[in-house]
Amino acid sequence: MATTENNYTGSTATTYSFTFPYLKSTDVKVSKNGTVLDLGSGATEYTQATTSITLGAAPLATDKIRIYSCLLYTSDAADEE
């Protein structure tokens, strides 16, 4: 099974890499201590590059950072006929 998430314990770093494929930047989600962060540039948000994210503020050493794939499947009813 393919990797669909990367987990880190906080440090003074703000940039973390991820190793899973995605189709759109909105398919990549980030949480800190179980709280989903928003894509943006504020202190409680993150920005995204091709295979990394940068947190708006450095996490504490005990913070749990999760970067994960969230692909939504939608179907067209016409495809099912």
N, C-alpha and C. Protein backbone atom coordinates (compact mmCIF):
# COMPACT_ATOMS: atom_id res chain seq x y z
N MET A 1 0.85 -1.18 0.00
CA MET A 1 0.00 0.00 0.00
C MET A 1 0.89 1.25 0.00
N ALA A 2 0.50 2.24 -0.72
CA ALA A 2 1.28 3.47 -0.86
C ALA A 2 1.23 4.29 0.42
N THR A 3 2.29 5.04 0.65
CA THR A 3 2.33 5.96 1.79
C THR A 3 1.33 7.08 1.54
N THR A 4 0.50 7.36 2.53
CA THR A 4 -0.48 8.44 2.39
C THR A 4 -0.35 9.47 3.49
N GLU A 5 0.68 9.34 4.33
CA GLU A 5 0.91 10.35 5.35
C GLU A 5 2.35 10.29 5.84
N ASN A 6 2.80 11.40 6.39
CA ASN A 6 4.10 11.50 7.04
C ASN A 6 3.88 12.17 8.38
N ASN A 7 4.52 11.63 9.42
CA ASN A 7 4.35 12.14 10.78
C ASN A 7 5.68 12.61 11.34
N TYR A 8 5.62 13.70 12.09
CA TYR A 8 6.81 14.28 12.70
C TYR A 8 6.50 14.71 14.12
N THR A 9 7.54 14.74 14.95
CA THR A 9 7.45 15.37 16.26
C THR A 9 8.10 16.73 16.09
N GLY A 10 7.45 17.76 16.64
CA GLY A 10 7.91 19.13 16.46
C GLY A 10 9.36 19.36 16.82
N SER A 11 9.88 20.42 16.31
CA SER A 11 11.25 20.87 16.59
C SER A 11 11.27 22.36 16.30
N THR A 12 12.42 22.93 16.19
CA THR A 12 12.49 24.34 15.84
C THR A 12 12.31 24.55 14.35
N ALA A 13 12.27 23.46 13.58
CA ALA A 13 12.08 23.55 12.13
C ALA A 13 10.64 23.93 11.82
N THR A 14 10.46 24.63 10.71
CA THR A 14 9.10 24.95 10.27
C THR A 14 8.77 24.26 8.95
N THR A 15 9.76 23.68 8.27
CA THR A 15 9.52 23.02 6.99
C THR A 15 9.64 21.51 7.15
N TYR A 16 8.65 20.80 6.61
CA TYR A 16 8.58 19.35 6.70
C TYR A 16 8.25 18.79 5.32
N SER A 17 8.92 17.70 4.95
CA SER A 17 8.67 17.10 3.64
C SER A 17 7.61 16.01 3.73
N PHE A 18 7.01 15.71 2.57
CA PHE A 18 6.11 14.57 2.50
C PHE A 18 6.43 13.79 1.24
N THR A 19 6.10 12.50 1.25
CA THR A 19 6.56 11.59 0.21
C THR A 19 5.44 10.93 -0.60
N PHE A 20 4.22 11.39 -0.43
CA PHE A 20 3.12 10.75 -1.14
C PHE A 20 2.69 11.59 -2.35
N PRO A 21 2.14 10.94 -3.37
CA PRO A 21 1.66 11.68 -4.54
C PRO A 21 0.32 12.34 -4.26
N TYR A 22 0.03 13.37 -5.00
CA TYR A 22 -1.27 14.04 -4.89
C TYR A 22 -1.60 14.66 -6.24
N LEU A 23 -2.87 14.98 -6.43
CA LEU A 23 -3.31 15.57 -7.70
C LEU A 23 -3.39 17.09 -7.62
N LYS A 24 -3.95 17.60 -6.52
CA LYS A 24 -4.10 19.05 -6.32
C LYS A 24 -3.56 19.41 -4.94
N SER A 25 -3.16 20.64 -4.77
CA SER A 25 -2.64 21.06 -3.46
C SER A 25 -3.70 20.91 -2.37
N THR A 26 -4.97 20.97 -2.74
CA THR A 26 -6.03 20.80 -1.74
C THR A 26 -6.16 19.35 -1.27
N ASP A 27 -5.47 18.42 -1.94
CA ASP A 27 -5.47 17.02 -1.51
C ASP A 27 -4.52 16.78 -0.34
N VAL A 28 -3.66 17.75 -0.06
CA VAL A 28 -2.68 17.64 1.03
C VAL A 28 -3.22 18.39 2.23
N LYS A 29 -3.26 17.71 3.38
CA LYS A 29 -3.75 18.31 4.61
C LYS A 29 -2.66 18.22 5.67
N VAL A 30 -2.72 19.15 6.63
CA VAL A 30 -1.74 19.18 7.71
C VAL A 30 -2.50 19.35 9.03
N SER A 31 -2.08 18.58 10.03
CA SER A 31 -2.65 18.77 11.36
C SER A 31 -1.52 18.89 12.38
N LYS A 32 -1.79 19.61 13.44
CA LYS A 32 -0.86 19.75 14.56
C LYS A 32 -1.62 19.36 15.81
N ASN A 33 -1.16 18.31 16.47
CA ASN A 33 -1.81 17.79 17.67
C ASN A 33 -3.28 17.47 17.42
N GLY A 34 -3.58 16.98 16.21
CA GLY A 34 -4.94 16.57 15.88
C GLY A 34 -5.85 17.65 15.34
N THR A 35 -5.38 18.90 15.33
CA THR A 35 -6.17 20.01 14.81
C THR A 35 -5.73 20.32 13.39
N VAL A 36 -6.68 20.26 12.45
CA VAL A 36 -6.36 20.51 11.05
C VAL A 36 -6.03 21.99 10.85
N LEU A 37 -4.92 22.25 10.16
CA LEU A 37 -4.49 23.62 9.87
C LEU A 37 -5.00 24.03 8.50
N ASP A 38 -5.13 25.32 8.29
CA ASP A 38 -5.57 25.86 7.02
C ASP A 38 -4.38 26.23 6.16
N LEU A 39 -4.56 26.13 4.85
CA LEU A 39 -3.56 26.59 3.90
C LEU A 39 -3.60 28.10 3.89
N GLY A 40 -2.48 28.74 4.13
CA GLY A 40 -2.40 30.20 4.19
C GLY A 40 -1.07 30.63 4.75
N SER A 41 -0.97 31.90 5.13
CA SER A 41 0.32 32.41 5.57
C SER A 41 0.34 32.91 7.01
N GLY A 42 -0.72 32.66 7.76
CA GLY A 42 -0.77 33.11 9.15
C GLY A 42 -0.02 32.18 10.09
N ALA A 43 0.09 32.59 11.35
CA ALA A 43 0.83 31.82 12.34
C ALA A 43 0.22 30.44 12.60
N THR A 44 -1.08 30.29 12.41
CA THR A 44 -1.73 29.00 12.63
C THR A 44 -2.05 28.30 11.31
N GLU A 45 -1.35 28.68 10.25
CA GLU A 45 -1.58 28.11 8.93
C GLU A 45 -0.28 27.54 8.37
N TYR A 46 -0.33 27.05 7.15
CA TYR A 46 0.87 26.53 6.49
C TYR A 46 0.85 26.89 5.01
N THR A 47 2.03 26.89 4.41
CA THR A 47 2.14 27.05 2.97
C THR A 47 2.68 25.75 2.41
N GLN A 48 2.49 25.55 1.11
CA GLN A 48 2.89 24.28 0.51
C GLN A 48 3.75 24.50 -0.72
N ALA A 49 4.80 23.70 -0.81
CA ALA A 49 5.60 23.61 -2.02
C ALA A 49 5.33 22.23 -2.62
N THR A 50 6.05 21.83 -3.62
CA THR A 50 5.76 20.58 -4.32
C THR A 50 5.75 19.36 -3.40
N THR A 51 6.77 19.19 -2.58
CA THR A 51 6.83 18.03 -1.69
C THR A 51 7.17 18.41 -0.26
N SER A 52 6.76 19.62 0.15
CA SER A 52 6.99 20.05 1.53
C SER A 52 5.94 21.07 1.94
N ILE A 53 5.80 21.21 3.24
CA ILE A 53 4.95 22.26 3.80
C ILE A 53 5.79 23.09 4.75
N THR A 54 5.42 24.34 4.94
CA THR A 54 6.08 25.21 5.90
C THR A 54 5.03 25.78 6.83
N LEU A 55 5.22 25.53 8.11
CA LEU A 55 4.29 26.03 9.11
C LEU A 55 4.48 27.53 9.30
N GLY A 56 3.40 28.22 9.64
CA GLY A 56 3.46 29.66 9.87
C GLY A 56 4.24 30.03 11.12
N ALA A 57 4.37 29.09 12.05
CA ALA A 57 5.13 29.32 13.29
C ALA A 57 5.78 28.00 13.68
N ALA A 58 6.94 28.08 14.30
CA ALA A 58 7.65 26.86 14.72
C ALA A 58 6.84 26.13 15.78
N PRO A 59 6.73 24.82 15.67
CA PRO A 59 6.00 24.05 16.67
C PRO A 59 6.84 23.85 17.93
N LEU A 60 6.18 23.45 18.98
CA LEU A 60 6.89 23.07 20.20
C LEU A 60 7.51 21.69 19.99
N ALA A 61 8.50 21.36 20.78
CA ALA A 61 9.20 20.08 20.62
C ALA A 61 8.26 18.89 20.83
N THR A 62 7.18 19.06 21.55
CA THR A 62 6.24 17.97 21.82
C THR A 62 5.07 17.93 20.85
N ASP A 63 4.96 18.90 19.94
CA ASP A 63 3.85 18.92 18.99
C ASP A 63 3.96 17.78 17.99
N LYS A 64 2.83 17.21 17.65
CA LYS A 64 2.76 16.14 16.66
C LYS A 64 2.25 16.73 15.34
N ILE A 65 3.06 16.65 14.30
CA ILE A 65 2.73 17.18 12.98
C ILE A 65 2.39 16.00 12.06
N ARG A 66 1.24 16.07 11.44
CA ARG A 66 0.82 15.03 10.49
C ARG A 66 0.52 15.69 9.15
N ILE A 67 1.16 15.20 8.10
CA ILE A 67 0.90 15.64 6.73
C ILE A 67 0.28 14.44 6.03
N TYR A 68 -0.91 14.62 5.48
CA TYR A 68 -1.60 13.46 4.93
C TYR A 68 -2.39 13.79 3.67
N SER A 69 -2.69 12.74 2.94
CA SER A 69 -3.46 12.84 1.71
C SER A 69 -4.93 12.71 2.03
N CYS A 70 -5.73 13.55 1.42
CA CYS A 70 -7.17 13.52 1.62
C CYS A 70 -7.83 13.65 0.25
N LEU A 71 -7.85 12.55 -0.48
CA LEU A 71 -8.45 12.54 -1.81
C LEU A 71 -9.93 12.26 -1.68
N LEU A 72 -10.73 13.11 -2.25
CA LEU A 72 -12.17 12.91 -2.23
C LEU A 72 -12.59 12.24 -3.53
N TYR A 73 -13.35 11.18 -3.41
CA TYR A 73 -13.83 10.48 -4.59
C TYR A 73 -15.24 10.97 -4.90
N THR A 74 -15.43 11.39 -6.10
CA THR A 74 -16.78 11.77 -6.54
C THR A 74 -17.06 11.00 -7.81
N SER A 75 -18.30 10.67 -8.00
CA SER A 75 -18.67 9.97 -9.23
C SER A 75 -19.79 10.73 -9.92
N ASP A 76 -19.82 10.56 -11.18
CA ASP A 76 -20.87 11.18 -12.00
C ASP A 76 -21.92 10.10 -12.22
N ALA A 77 -23.16 10.39 -11.89
CA ALA A 77 -24.22 9.40 -12.02
C ALA A 77 -24.30 8.85 -13.45
N ALA A 78 -23.93 9.64 -14.43
CA ALA A 78 -23.96 9.18 -15.82
C ALA A 78 -22.94 8.09 -16.06
N ASP A 79 -21.84 8.10 -15.29
CA ASP A 79 -20.81 7.07 -15.43
C ASP A 79 -21.30 5.72 -14.96
N GLU A 80 -22.30 5.71 -14.09
CA GLU A 80 -22.76 4.47 -13.49
C GLU A 80 -23.82 3.77 -14.34
N GLU A 81 -24.29 4.40 -15.39
CA GLU A 81 -25.33 3.79 -16.22
C GLU A 81 -24.76 2.86 -17.25
